[in-house]
PDB file of N, CA and C in Angstrom:
ATOM      1  N   MET A   1      -1.364  74.185  50.562  1.00  0.00           N
ATOM      2  CA  MET A   1      -0.610  72.954  50.546  1.00  0.00           C
ATOM      3  C   MET A   1      -0.815  72.261  49.197  1.00  0.00           C
ATOM      4  N   THR A   2       0.253  71.809  48.602  1.00  0.00           N
ATOM      5  CA  THR A   2       0.199  71.138  47.317  1.00  0.00           C
ATOM      6  C   THR A   2      -0.252  69.691  47.507  1.00  0.00           C
ATOM      7  N   GLU A   3      -1.123  69.272  46.638  1.00  0.00           N
ATOM      8  CA  GLU A   3      -1.634  67.907  46.691  1.00  0.00           C
ATOM      9  C   GLU A   3      -0.551  66.937  46.228  1.00  0.00           C
ATOM     10  N   SER A   4      -0.423  65.812  46.904  1.00  0.00           N
ATOM     11  CA  SER A   4       0.599  64.832  46.543  1.00  0.00           C
ATOM     12  C   SER A   4       0.167  64.035  45.314  1.00  0.00           C
ATOM     13  N   ILE A   5       1.140  63.445  44.634  1.00  0.00           N
ATOM     14  CA  ILE A   5       0.857  62.579  43.484  1.00  0.00           C
ATOM     15  C   ILE A   5      -0.070  61.443  43.922  1.00  0.00           C
ATOM     16  N   LYS A   6       0.180  60.901  45.097  1.00  0.00           N
ATOM     17  CA  LYS A   6      -0.656  59.815  45.617  1.00  0.00           C
ATOM     18  C   LYS A   6      -2.120  60.254  45.720  1.00  0.00           C
ATOM     19  N   ASP A   7      -2.348  61.469  46.211  1.00  0.00           N
ATOM     20  CA  ASP A   7      -3.712  61.979  46.350  1.00  0.00           C
ATOM     21  C   ASP A   7      -4.358  62.221  44.982  1.00  0.00           C
ATOM     22  N   ILE A   8      -3.580  62.733  44.047  1.00  0.00           N
ATOM     23  CA  ILE A   8      -4.108  62.989  42.698  1.00  0.00           C
ATOM     24  C   ILE A   8      -4.453  61.672  42.019  1.00  0.00           C
ATOM     25  N   VAL A   9      -3.605  60.673  42.195  1.00  0.00           N
ATOM     26  CA  VAL A   9      -3.887  59.344  41.632  1.00  0.00           C
ATOM     27  C   VAL A   9      -5.163  58.768  42.248  1.00  0.00           C
ATOM     28  N   ALA A  10      -5.346  58.958  43.534  1.00  0.00           N
ATOM     29  CA  ALA A  10      -6.568  58.463  44.196  1.00  0.00           C
ATOM     30  C   ALA A  10      -7.805  59.138  43.597  1.00  0.00           C
ATOM     31  N   ARG A  11      -7.724  60.449  43.343  1.00  0.00           N
ATOM     32  CA  ARG A  11      -8.861  61.152  42.724  1.00  0.00           C
ATOM     33  C   ARG A  11      -9.063  60.710  41.274  1.00  0.00           C
ATOM     34  N   TYR A  12      -7.976  60.444  40.550  1.00  0.00           N
ATOM     35  CA  TYR A  12      -8.055  59.925  39.173  1.00  0.00           C
ATOM     36  C   TYR A  12      -8.806  58.587  39.182  1.00  0.00           C
ATOM     37  N   ARG A  13      -8.417  57.697  40.091  1.00  0.00           N
ATOM     38  CA  ARG A  13      -9.070  56.386  40.200  1.00  0.00           C
ATOM     39  C   ARG A  13     -10.563  56.551  40.513  1.00  0.00           C
ATOM     40  N   GLN A  14     -10.881  57.439  41.456  1.00  0.00           N
ATOM     41  CA  GLN A  14     -12.284  57.681  41.811  1.00  0.00           C
ATOM     42  C   GLN A  14     -13.063  58.192  40.599  1.00  0.00           C
ATOM     43  N   GLY A  15     -12.453  59.099  39.842  1.00  0.00           N
ATOM     44  CA  GLY A  15     -13.103  59.638  38.651  1.00  0.00           C
ATOM     45  C   GLY A  15     -13.358  58.575  37.600  1.00  0.00           C
ATOM     46  N   ALA A  16     -12.375  57.702  37.394  1.00  0.00           N
ATOM     47  CA  ALA A  16     -12.540  56.628  36.405  1.00  0.00           C
ATOM     48  C   ALA A  16     -13.653  55.668  36.816  1.00  0.00           C
ATOM     49  N   ILE A  17     -13.720  55.356  38.089  1.00  0.00           N
ATOM     50  CA  ILE A  17     -14.780  54.463  38.572  1.00  0.00           C
ATOM     51  C   ILE A  17     -16.142  55.145  38.443  1.00  0.00           C
ATOM     52  N   ALA A  18     -16.223  56.420  38.813  1.00  0.00           N
ATOM     53  CA  ALA A  18     -17.490  57.153  38.678  1.00  0.00           C
ATOM     54  C   ALA A  18     -17.897  57.235  37.207  1.00  0.00           C
ATOM     55  N   ASN A  19     -16.935  57.426  36.332  1.00  0.00           N
ATOM     56  CA  ASN A  19     -17.213  57.519  34.895  1.00  0.00           C
ATOM     57  C   ASN A  19     -17.789  56.222  34.349  1.00  0.00           C
ATOM     58  N   SER A  20     -17.525  55.117  35.002  1.00  0.00           N
ATOM     59  CA  SER A  20     -18.013  53.822  34.519  1.00  0.00           C
ATOM     60  C   SER A  20     -19.467  53.552  34.900  1.00  0.00           C
ATOM     61  N   ASP A  21     -20.076  54.436  35.682  1.00  0.00           N
ATOM     62  CA  ASP A  21     -21.457  54.240  36.132  1.00  0.00           C
ATOM     63  C   ASP A  21     -22.430  54.701  35.049  1.00  0.00           C
ATOM     64  N   ILE A  22     -22.756  53.790  34.143  1.00  0.00           N
ATOM     65  CA  ILE A  22     -23.624  54.143  33.021  1.00  0.00           C
ATOM     66  C   ILE A  22     -25.080  54.339  33.445  1.00  0.00           C
ATOM     67  N   SER A  23     -25.414  53.954  34.673  1.00  0.00           N
ATOM     68  CA  SER A  23     -26.787  54.152  35.153  1.00  0.00           C
ATOM     69  C   SER A  23     -27.032  55.600  35.582  1.00  0.00           C
ATOM     70  N   ASP A  24     -25.962  56.377  35.740  1.00  0.00           N
ATOM     71  CA  ASP A  24     -26.077  57.753  36.205  1.00  0.00           C
ATOM     72  C   ASP A  24     -25.192  58.654  35.338  1.00  0.00           C
ATOM     73  N   PRO A  25     -25.733  59.164  34.229  1.00  0.00           N
ATOM     74  CA  PRO A  25     -24.920  59.966  33.303  1.00  0.00           C
ATOM     75  C   PRO A  25     -24.276  61.197  33.939  1.00  0.00           C
ATOM     76  N   LYS A  26     -24.970  61.859  34.863  1.00  0.00           N
ATOM     77  CA  LYS A  26     -24.381  63.036  35.517  1.00  0.00           C
ATOM     78  C   LYS A  26     -23.161  62.633  36.338  1.00  0.00           C
ATOM     79  N   LYS A  27     -23.278  61.539  37.066  1.00  0.00           N
ATOM     80  CA  LYS A  27     -22.153  61.032  37.848  1.00  0.00           C
ATOM     81  C   LYS A  27     -21.005  60.639  36.916  1.00  0.00           C
ATOM     82  N   ALA A  28     -21.329  59.981  35.826  1.00  0.00           N
ATOM     83  CA  ALA A  28     -20.302  59.562  34.861  1.00  0.00           C
ATOM     84  C   ALA A  28     -19.583  60.771  34.271  1.00  0.00           C
ATOM     85  N   ASN A  29     -20.325  61.811  33.937  1.00  0.00           N
ATOM     86  CA  ASN A  29     -19.708  63.026  33.386  1.00  0.00           C
ATOM     87  C   ASN A  29     -18.833  63.733  34.420  1.00  0.00           C
ATOM     88  N   ARG A  30     -19.298  63.794  35.666  1.00  0.00           N
ATOM     89  CA  ARG A  30     -18.475  64.383  36.733  1.00  0.00           C
ATOM     90  C   ARG A  30     -17.185  63.581  36.909  1.00  0.00           C
ATOM     91  N   GLY A  31     -17.311  62.264  36.820  1.00  0.00           N
ATOM     92  CA  GLY A  31     -16.130  61.405  36.942  1.00  0.00           C
ATOM     93  C   GLY A  31     -15.135  61.667  35.824  1.00  0.00           C
ATOM     94  N   ALA A  32     -15.637  61.815  34.603  1.00  0.00           N
ATOM     95  CA  ALA A  32     -14.754  62.093  33.460  1.00  0.00           C
ATOM     96  C   ALA A  32     -14.042  63.426  33.642  1.00  0.00           C
ATOM     97  N   LYS A  33     -14.763  64.430  34.105  1.00  0.00           N
ATOM     98  CA  LYS A  33     -14.140  65.743  34.339  1.00  0.00           C
ATOM     99  C   LYS A  33     -13.083  65.657  35.431  1.00  0.00           C
ATOM    100  N   GLN A  34     -13.385  64.917  36.483  1.00  0.00           N
ATOM    101  CA  GLN A  34     -12.441  64.776  37.587  1.00  0.00           C
ATOM    102  C   GLN A  34     -11.172  64.062  37.135  1.00  0.00           C
ATOM    103  N   LEU A  35     -11.312  62.941  36.439  1.00  0.00           N
ATOM    104  CA  LEU A  35     -10.109  62.218  36.048  1.00  0.00           C
ATOM    105  C   LEU A  35      -9.313  62.987  35.007  1.00  0.00           C
ATOM    106  N   HIS A  36      -9.978  63.752  34.147  1.00  0.00           N
ATOM    107  CA  HIS A  36      -9.241  64.547  33.165  1.00  0.00           C
ATOM    108  C   HIS A  36      -8.452  65.661  33.856  1.00  0.00           C
ATOM    109  N   ALA A  37      -9.041  66.288  34.858  1.00  0.00           N
ATOM    110  CA  ALA A  37      -8.317  67.314  35.611  1.00  0.00           C
ATOM    111  C   ALA A  37      -7.090  66.710  36.290  1.00  0.00           C
ATOM    112  N   CYS A  38      -7.229  65.513  36.830  1.00  0.00           N
ATOM    113  CA  CYS A  38      -6.096  64.835  37.460  1.00  0.00           C
ATOM    114  C   CYS A  38      -5.044  64.460  36.419  1.00  0.00           C
ATOM    115  N   TYR A  39      -5.476  63.971  35.272  1.00  0.00           N
ATOM    116  CA  TYR A  39      -4.553  63.638  34.186  1.00  0.00           C
ATOM    117  C   TYR A  39      -3.706  64.845  33.805  1.00  0.00           C
ATOM    118  N   LYS A  40      -4.337  66.009  33.692  1.00  0.00           N
ATOM    119  CA  LYS A  40      -3.615  67.217  33.281  1.00  0.00           C
ATOM    120  C   LYS A  40      -2.522  67.587  34.289  1.00  0.00           C
ATOM    121  N   ILE A  41      -2.739  67.278  35.555  1.00  0.00           N
ATOM    122  CA  ILE A  41      -1.714  67.518  36.568  1.00  0.00           C
ATOM    123  C   ILE A  41      -0.635  66.439  36.485  1.00  0.00           C
ATOM    124  N   LEU A  42      -1.051  65.187  36.408  1.00  0.00           N
ATOM    125  CA  LEU A  42      -0.106  64.073  36.416  1.00  0.00           C
ATOM    126  C   LEU A  42       0.828  64.076  35.209  1.00  0.00           C
ATOM    127  N   ARG A  43       0.360  64.495  34.068  1.00  0.00           N
ATOM    128  CA  ARG A  43       1.185  64.471  32.855  1.00  0.00           C
ATOM    129  C   ARG A  43       2.345  65.459  32.915  1.00  0.00           C
ATOM    130  N   GLU A  44       2.296  66.401  33.839  1.00  0.00           N
ATOM    131  CA  GLU A  44       3.300  67.462  33.906  1.00  0.00           C
ATOM    132  C   GLU A  44       4.613  67.060  34.574  1.00  0.00           C
ATOM    133  N   SER A  45       4.645  65.932  35.253  1.00  0.00           N
ATOM    134  CA  SER A  45       5.880  65.529  35.928  1.00  0.00           C
ATOM    135  C   SER A  45       6.200  64.069  35.615  1.00  0.00           C
ATOM    136  N   GLU A  46       7.469  63.746  35.712  1.00  0.00           N
ATOM    137  CA  GLU A  46       7.891  62.350  35.504  1.00  0.00           C
ATOM    138  C   GLU A  46       7.218  61.436  36.520  1.00  0.00           C
ATOM    139  N   GLU A  47       7.154  61.880  37.764  1.00  0.00           N
ATOM    140  CA  GLU A  47       6.515  61.082  38.806  1.00  0.00           C
ATOM    141  C   GLU A  47       5.025  60.862  38.496  1.00  0.00           C
ATOM    142  N   GLY A  48       4.363  61.888  38.007  1.00  0.00           N
ATOM    143  CA  GLY A  48       2.953  61.772  37.643  1.00  0.00           C
ATOM    144  C   GLY A  48       2.750  60.842  36.451  1.00  0.00           C
ATOM    145  N   ARG A  49       3.597  60.967  35.450  1.00  0.00           N
ATOM    146  CA  ARG A  49       3.497  60.082  34.274  1.00  0.00           C
ATOM    147  C   ARG A  49       3.742  58.633  34.671  1.00  0.00           C
ATOM    148  N   GLU A  50       4.716  58.410  35.531  1.00  0.00           N
ATOM    149  CA  GLU A  50       4.986  57.044  36.008  1.00  0.00           C
ATOM    150  C   GLU A  50       3.794  56.493  36.796  1.00  0.00           C
ATOM    151  N   ALA A  51       3.137  57.345  37.546  1.00  0.00           N
ATOM    152  CA  ALA A  51       1.947  56.910  38.286  1.00  0.00           C
ATOM    153  C   ALA A  51       0.840  56.488  37.328  1.00  0.00           C
ATOM    154  N   LEU A  52       0.640  57.274  36.264  1.00  0.00           N
ATOM    155  CA  LEU A  52      -0.360  56.897  35.250  1.00  0.00           C
ATOM    156  C   LEU A  52       0.001  55.575  34.583  1.00  0.00           C
ATOM    157  N   ILE A  53       1.253  55.424  34.229  1.00  0.00           N
ATOM    158  CA  ILE A  53       1.719  54.180  33.597  1.00  0.00           C
ATOM    159  C   ILE A  53       1.457  53.002  34.525  1.00  0.00           C
ATOM    160  N   GLY A  54       1.691  53.194  35.811  1.00  0.00           N
ATOM    161  CA  GLY A  54       1.443  52.128  36.785  1.00  0.00           C
ATOM    162  C   GLY A  54      -0.014  51.715  36.862  1.00  0.00           C
ATOM    163  N   LEU A  55      -0.916  52.641  36.574  1.00  0.00           N
ATOM    164  CA  LEU A  55      -2.350  52.321  36.618  1.00  0.00           C
ATOM    165  C   LEU A  55      -2.791  51.443  35.452  1.00  0.00           C
ATOM    166  N   MET A  56      -1.931  51.243  34.464  1.00  0.00           N
ATOM    167  CA  MET A  56      -2.287  50.343  33.359  1.00  0.00           C
ATOM    168  C   MET A  56      -2.434  48.903  33.836  1.00  0.00           C
ATOM    169  N   ASP A  57      -1.947  48.605  35.037  1.00  0.00           N
ATOM    170  CA  ASP A  57      -2.066  47.265  35.619  1.00  0.00           C
ATOM    171  C   ASP A  57      -3.139  47.187  36.698  1.00  0.00           C
ATOM    172  N   ASP A  58      -3.910  48.243  36.863  1.00  0.00           N
ATOM    173  CA  ASP A  58      -4.936  48.275  37.905  1.00  0.00           C
ATOM    174  C   ASP A  58      -5.953  47.156  37.662  1.00  0.00           C
ATOM    175  N   PRO A  59      -6.424  46.506  38.710  1.00  0.00           N
ATOM    176  CA  PRO A  59      -7.413  45.442  38.523  1.00  0.00           C
ATOM    177  C   PRO A  59      -8.774  45.948  38.022  1.00  0.00           C
ATOM    178  N   GLU A  60      -9.065  47.222  38.218  1.00  0.00           N
ATOM    179  CA  GLU A  60     -10.343  47.795  37.780  1.00  0.00           C
ATOM    180  C   GLU A  60     -10.249  48.175  36.298  1.00  0.00           C
ATOM    181  N   PRO A  61     -11.068  47.577  35.436  1.00  0.00           N
ATOM    182  CA  PRO A  61     -10.969  47.833  33.992  1.00  0.00           C
ATOM    183  C   PRO A  61     -11.156  49.295  33.586  1.00  0.00           C
ATOM    184  N   SER A  62     -12.023  50.030  34.282  1.00  0.00           N
ATOM    185  CA  SER A  62     -12.226  51.428  33.910  1.00  0.00           C
ATOM    186  C   SER A  62     -10.952  52.235  34.127  1.00  0.00           C
ATOM    187  N   ILE A  63     -10.271  51.969  35.202  1.00  0.00           N
ATOM    188  CA  ILE A  63      -9.012  52.666  35.499  1.00  0.00           C
ATOM    189  C   ILE A  63      -7.950  52.247  34.496  1.00  0.00           C
ATOM    190  N   ARG A  64      -7.857  50.956  34.250  1.00  0.00           N
ATOM    191  CA  ARG A  64      -6.876  50.416  33.297  1.00  0.00           C
ATOM    192  C   ARG A  64      -7.082  51.006  31.902  1.00  0.00           C
ATOM    193  N   CYS A  65      -8.322  51.129  31.479  1.00  0.00           N
ATOM    194  CA  CYS A  65      -8.630  51.653  30.143  1.00  0.00           C
ATOM    195  C   CYS A  65      -8.216  53.120  30.027  1.00  0.00           C
ATOM    196  N   TRP A  66      -8.617  53.931  30.990  1.00  0.00           N
ATOM    197  CA  TRP A  66      -8.253  55.344  30.950  1.00  0.00           C
ATOM    198  C   TRP A  66      -6.750  55.537  31.043  1.00  0.00           C
ATOM    199  N   ALA A  67      -6.109  54.850  31.987  1.00  0.00           N
ATOM    200  CA  ALA A  67      -4.661  55.012  32.168  1.00  0.00           C
ATOM    201  C   ALA A  67      -3.900  54.560  30.920  1.00  0.00           C
ATOM    202  N   SER A  68      -4.357  53.512  30.285  1.00  0.00           N
ATOM    203  CA  SER A  68      -3.704  53.035  29.065  1.00  0.00           C
ATOM    204  C   SER A  68      -3.859  54.048  27.939  1.00  0.00           C
ATOM    205  N   ALA A  69      -5.049  54.590  27.798  1.00  0.00           N
ATOM    206  CA  ALA A  69      -5.268  55.614  26.766  1.00  0.00           C
ATOM    207  C   ALA A  69      -4.382  56.826  27.030  1.00  0.00           C
ATOM    208  N   HIS A  70      -4.329  57.263  28.278  1.00  0.00           N
ATOM    209  CA  HIS A  70      -3.507  58.426  28.622  1.00  0.00           C
ATOM    210  C   HIS A  70      -2.017  58.136  28.473  1.00  0.00           C
ATOM    211  N   SER A  71      -1.608  56.881  28.607  1.00  0.00           N
ATOM    212  CA  SER A  71      -0.189  56.517  28.553  1.00  0.00           C
ATOM    213  C   SER A  71       0.309  56.186  27.151  1.00  0.00           C
ATOM    214  N   LEU A  72      -0.561  56.160  26.175  1.00  0.00           N
ATOM    215  CA  LEU A  72      -0.130  55.860  24.805  1.00  0.00           C
ATOM    216  C   LEU A  72       0.992  56.784  24.337  1.00  0.00           C
ATOM    217  N   GLN A  73       0.985  58.014  24.789  1.00  0.00           N
ATOM    218  CA  GLN A  73       1.997  58.977  24.345  1.00  0.00           C
ATOM    219  C   GLN A  73       3.372  58.741  24.975  1.00  0.00           C
ATOM    220  N   TRP A  74       3.437  58.020  26.095  1.00  0.00           N
ATOM    221  CA  TRP A  74       4.717  57.795  26.765  1.00  0.00           C
ATOM    222  C   TRP A  74       5.193  56.360  26.637  1.00  0.00           C
ATOM    223  N   LYS A  75       4.277  55.435  26.699  1.00  0.00           N
ATOM    224  CA  LYS A  75       4.589  54.009  26.669  1.00  0.00           C
ATOM    225  C   LYS A  75       3.673  53.327  25.656  1.00  0.00           C
ATOM    226  N   PRO A  76       3.819  53.661  24.371  1.00  0.00           N
ATOM    227  CA  PRO A  76       2.860  53.163  23.387  1.00  0.00           C
ATOM    228  C   PRO A  76       2.760  51.639  23.305  1.00  0.00           C
ATOM    229  N   ASP A  77       3.861  50.939  23.417  1.00  0.00           N
ATOM    230  CA  ASP A  77       3.798  49.480  23.298  1.00  0.00           C
ATOM    231  C   ASP A  77       3.047  48.859  24.475  1.00  0.00           C
ATOM    232  N   SER A  78       3.381  49.277  25.679  1.00  0.00           N
ATOM    233  CA  SER A  78       2.707  48.747  26.873  1.00  0.00           C
ATOM    234  C   SER A  78       1.237  49.154  26.906  1.00  0.00           C
ATOM    235  N   ALA A  79       0.978  50.403  26.575  1.00  0.00           N
ATOM    236  CA  ALA A  79      -0.406  50.888  26.582  1.00  0.00           C
ATOM    237  C   ALA A  79      -1.241  50.150  25.534  1.00  0.00           C
ATOM    238  N   ARG A  80      -0.663  49.928  24.367  1.00  0.00           N
ATOM    239  CA  ARG A  80      -1.371  49.195  23.309  1.00  0.00           C
ATOM    240  C   ARG A  80      -1.694  47.773  23.774  1.00  0.00           C
ATOM    241  N   ARG A  81      -0.736  47.117  24.396  1.00  0.00           N
ATOM    242  CA  ARG A  81      -0.988  45.745  24.884  1.00  0.00           C
ATOM    243  C   ARG A  81      -2.122  45.731  25.905  1.00  0.00           C
ATOM    244  N   SER A  82      -2.125  46.711  26.783  1.00  0.00           N
ATOM    245  CA  SER A  82      -3.182  46.792  27.786  1.00  0.00           C
ATOM    246  C   SER A  82      -4.549  47.018  27.129  1.00  0.00           C
ATOM    247  N   LEU A  83      -4.603  47.939  26.173  1.00  0.00           N
ATOM    248  CA  LEU A  83      -5.863  48.208  25.473  1.00  0.00           C
ATOM    249  C   LEU A  83      -6.294  47.017  24.624  1.00  0.00           C
ATOM    250  N   GLU A  84      -5.355  46.336  24.005  1.00  0.00           N
ATOM    251  CA  GLU A  84      -5.701  45.146  23.212  1.00  0.00           C
ATOM    252  C   GLU A  84      -6.263  44.041  24.105  1.00  0.00           C
ATOM    253  N   ALA A  85      -5.696  43.885  25.301  1.00  0.00           N
ATOM    254  CA  ALA A  85      -6.221  42.883  26.241  1.00  0.00           C
ATOM    255  C   ALA A  85      -7.648  43.237  26.652  1.00  0.00           C
ATOM    256  N   LEU A  86      -7.911  44.513  26.908  1.00  0.00           N
ATOM    257  CA  LEU A  86      -9.273  44.937  27.228  1.00  0.00           C
ATOM    258  C   LEU A  86     -10.205  44.707  26.039  1.00  0.00           C
ATOM    259  N   ARG A  87      -9.742  45.061  24.853  1.00  0.00           N
ATOM    260  CA  ARG A  87     -10.536  44.864  23.636  1.00  0.00           C
ATOM    261  C   ARG A  87     -10.887  43.388  23.450  1.00  0.00           C
ATOM    262  N   ASP A  88      -9.909  42.531  23.636  1.00  0.00           N
ATOM    263  CA  ASP A  88     -10.101  41.105  23.389  1.00  0.00           C
ATOM    264  C   ASP A  88     -10.854  40.388  24.501  1.00  0.00           C
ATOM    265  N   SER A  89     -11.033  41.055  25.633  1.00  0.00           N
ATOM    266  CA  SER A  89     -11.722  40.440  26.774  1.00  0.00           C
ATOM    267  C   SER A  89     -13.217  40.302  26.540  1.00  0.00           C
ATOM    268  N   LYS A  90     -13.726  41.063  25.598  1.00  0.00           N
ATOM    269  CA  LYS A  90     -15.171  41.104  25.318  1.00  0.00           C
ATOM    270  C   LYS A  90     -15.966  41.551  26.540  1.00  0.00           C
ATOM    271  N   GLY A  91     -15.299  42.266  27.427  1.00  0.00           N
ATOM    272  CA  GLY A  91     -15.944  42.804  28.616  1.00  0.00           C
ATOM    273  C   GLY A  91     -16.535  44.175  28.350  1.00  0.00           C
ATOM    274  N   HIS A  92     -16.885  44.847  29.417  1.00  0.00           N
ATOM    275  CA  HIS A  92     -17.543  46.157  29.356  1.00  0.00           C
ATOM    276  C   HIS A  92     -16.713  47.195  28.607  1.00  0.00           C
ATOM    277  N   TYR A  93     -15.400  47.083  28.661  1.00  0.00           N
ATOM    278  CA  TYR A  93     -14.533  48.091  28.039  1.00  0.00           C
ATOM    279  C   TYR A  93     -13.946  47.662  26.706  1.00  0.00           C
ATOM    280  N   SER A  94     -14.414  46.561  26.144  1.00  0.00           N
ATOM    281  CA  SER A  94     -13.820  46.082  24.891  1.00  0.00           C
ATOM    282  C   SER A  94     -14.049  47.060  23.734  1.00  0.00           C
ATOM    283  N   ILE A  95     -15.223  47.608  23.619  1.00  0.00           N
ATOM    284  CA  ILE A  95     -15.493  48.554  22.520  1.00  0.00           C
ATOM    285  C   ILE A  95     -14.750  49.867  22.760  1.00  0.00           C
ATOM    286  N   THR A  96     -14.722  50.337  23.990  1.00  0.00           N
ATOM    287  CA  THR A  96     -13.984  51.565  24.301  1.00  0.00           C
ATOM    288  C   THR A  96     -12.514  51.398  23.956  1.00  0.00           C
ATOM    289  N   ALA A  97     -11.917  50.283  24.343  1.00  0.00           N
ATOM    290  CA  ALA A  97     -10.508  50.029  24.044  1.00  0.00           C
ATOM    291  C   ALA A  97     -10.289  49.944  22.534  1.00  0.00           C
ATOM    292  N   GLU A  98     -11.190  49.276  21.837  1.00  0.00           N
ATOM    293  CA  GLU A  98     -11.077  49.160  20.383  1.00  0.00           C
ATOM    294  C   GLU A  98     -11.127  50.534  19.708  1.00  0.00           C
ATOM    295  N   MET A  99     -12.057  51.371  20.123  1.00  0.00           N
ATOM    296  CA  MET A  99     -12.181  52.699  19.525  1.00  0.00           C
ATOM    297  C   MET A  99     -11.003  53.601  19.909  1.00  0.00           C
ATOM    298  N   THR A 100     -10.497  53.454  21.110  1.00  0.00           N
ATOM    299  CA  THR A 100      -9.327  54.224  21.532  1.00  0.00           C
ATOM    300  C   THR A 100      -8.140  53.893  20.635  1.00  0.00           C
ATOM    301  N   LEU A 101      -7.913  52.611  20.394  1.00  0.00           N
ATOM    302  CA  LEU A 101      -6.813  52.202  19.518  1.00  0.00           C
ATOM    303  C   LEU A 101      -7.024  52.704  18.087  1.00  0.00           C
ATOM    304  N   LYS A 102      -8.245  52.637  17.616  1.00  0.00           N
ATOM    305  CA  LYS A 102      -8.536  53.113  16.255  1.00  0.00           C
ATOM    306  C   LYS A 102      -8.246  54.617  16.136  1.00  0.00           C
ATOM    307  N   GLU A 103      -8.701  55.390  17.098  1.00  0.00           N
ATOM    308  CA  GLU A 103      -8.468  56.832  17.065  1.00  0.00           C
ATOM    309  C   GLU A 103      -6.973  57.155  17.200  1.00  0.00           C
ATOM    310  N   TYR A 104      -6.284  56.416  18.042  1.00  0.00           N
ATOM    311  CA  TYR A 104      -4.843  56.619  18.201  1.00  0.00           C
ATOM    312  C   TYR A 104      -4.116  56.301  16.893  1.00  0.00           C
ATOM    313  N   ASP A 105      -4.445  55.170  16.288  1.00  0.00           N
ATOM    314  CA  ASP A 105      -3.790  54.763  15.041  1.00  0.00           C
ATOM    315  C   ASP A 105      -4.050  55.748  13.912  1.00  0.00           C
ATOM    316  N   ASN A 106      -5.201  56.402  13.952  1.00  0.00           N
ATOM    317  CA  ASN A 106      -5.539  57.386  12.921  1.00  0.00           C
ATOM    318  C   ASN A 106      -5.100  58.809  13.282  1.00  0.00           C
ATOM    319  N   GLY A 107      -4.381  58.945  14.411  1.00  0.00           N
ATOM    320  CA  GLY A 107      -3.855  60.247  14.803  1.00  0.00           C
ATOM    321  C   GLY A 107      -4.887  61.217  15.343  1.00  0.00           C
ATOM    322  N   ARG A 108      -6.023  60.702  15.769  1.00  0.00           N
ATOM    323  CA  ARG A 108      -7.099  61.583  16.231  1.00  0.00           C
ATOM    324  C   ARG A 108      -7.324  61.552  17.752  1.00  0.00           C
ATOM    325  N   LEU A 109      -6.538  60.781  18.479  1.00  0.00           N
ATOM    326  CA  LEU A 109      -6.730  60.699  19.924  1.00  0.00           C
ATOM    327  C   LEU A 109      -6.021  61.882  20.581  1.00  0.00           C
ATOM    328  N   LYS A 110      -6.790  62.743  21.194  1.00  0.00           N
ATOM    329  CA  LYS A 110      -6.259  63.967  21.807  1.00  0.00           C
ATOM    330  C   LYS A 110      -6.838  64.126  23.205  1.00  0.00           C
ATOM    331  N   PHE A 111      -6.016  64.588  24.105  1.00  0.00           N
ATOM    332  CA  PHE A 111      -6.461  64.855  25.474  1.00  0.00           C
ATOM    333  C   PHE A 111      -6.179  66.302  25.875  1.00  0.00           C
ATOM    334  N   ASP A 112      -5.978  67.169  24.908  1.00  0.00           N
ATOM    335  CA  ASP A 112      -5.673  68.576  25.182  1.00  0.00           C
ATOM    336  C   ASP A 112      -6.937  69.428  25.175  1.00  0.00           C
ATOM    337  N   TYR A 113      -7.826  69.155  26.076  1.00  0.00           N
ATOM    338  CA  TYR A 113      -9.034  69.960  26.209  1.00  0.00           C
ATOM    339  C   TYR A 113      -9.198  70.360  27.652  1.00  0.00           C
TER     340      TYR A 113
END
């Protein structure tokens, strides 16, 4: 049975939240691997890309940061605004958002691994 977009998005969200657990590096790394695997599936369809774009408004900053970074290639203006808001918030993800924008602007942001 093929997994639904809704289920993949749920696993992406879980991975992003797990990745934000800096107290447990193994858990954080597993979360990053999980959300990247979900991203690779979601990017392949219009419905999946739209789901990622929708996560740029998620109330959870870790999800918003990852989804915005992943959406830069499809919705650069919206994704940039989301990352700039995270950067300017001076919250937990401000440095991550700042570095994501810097790497994107310099053409070095890649998710093909």
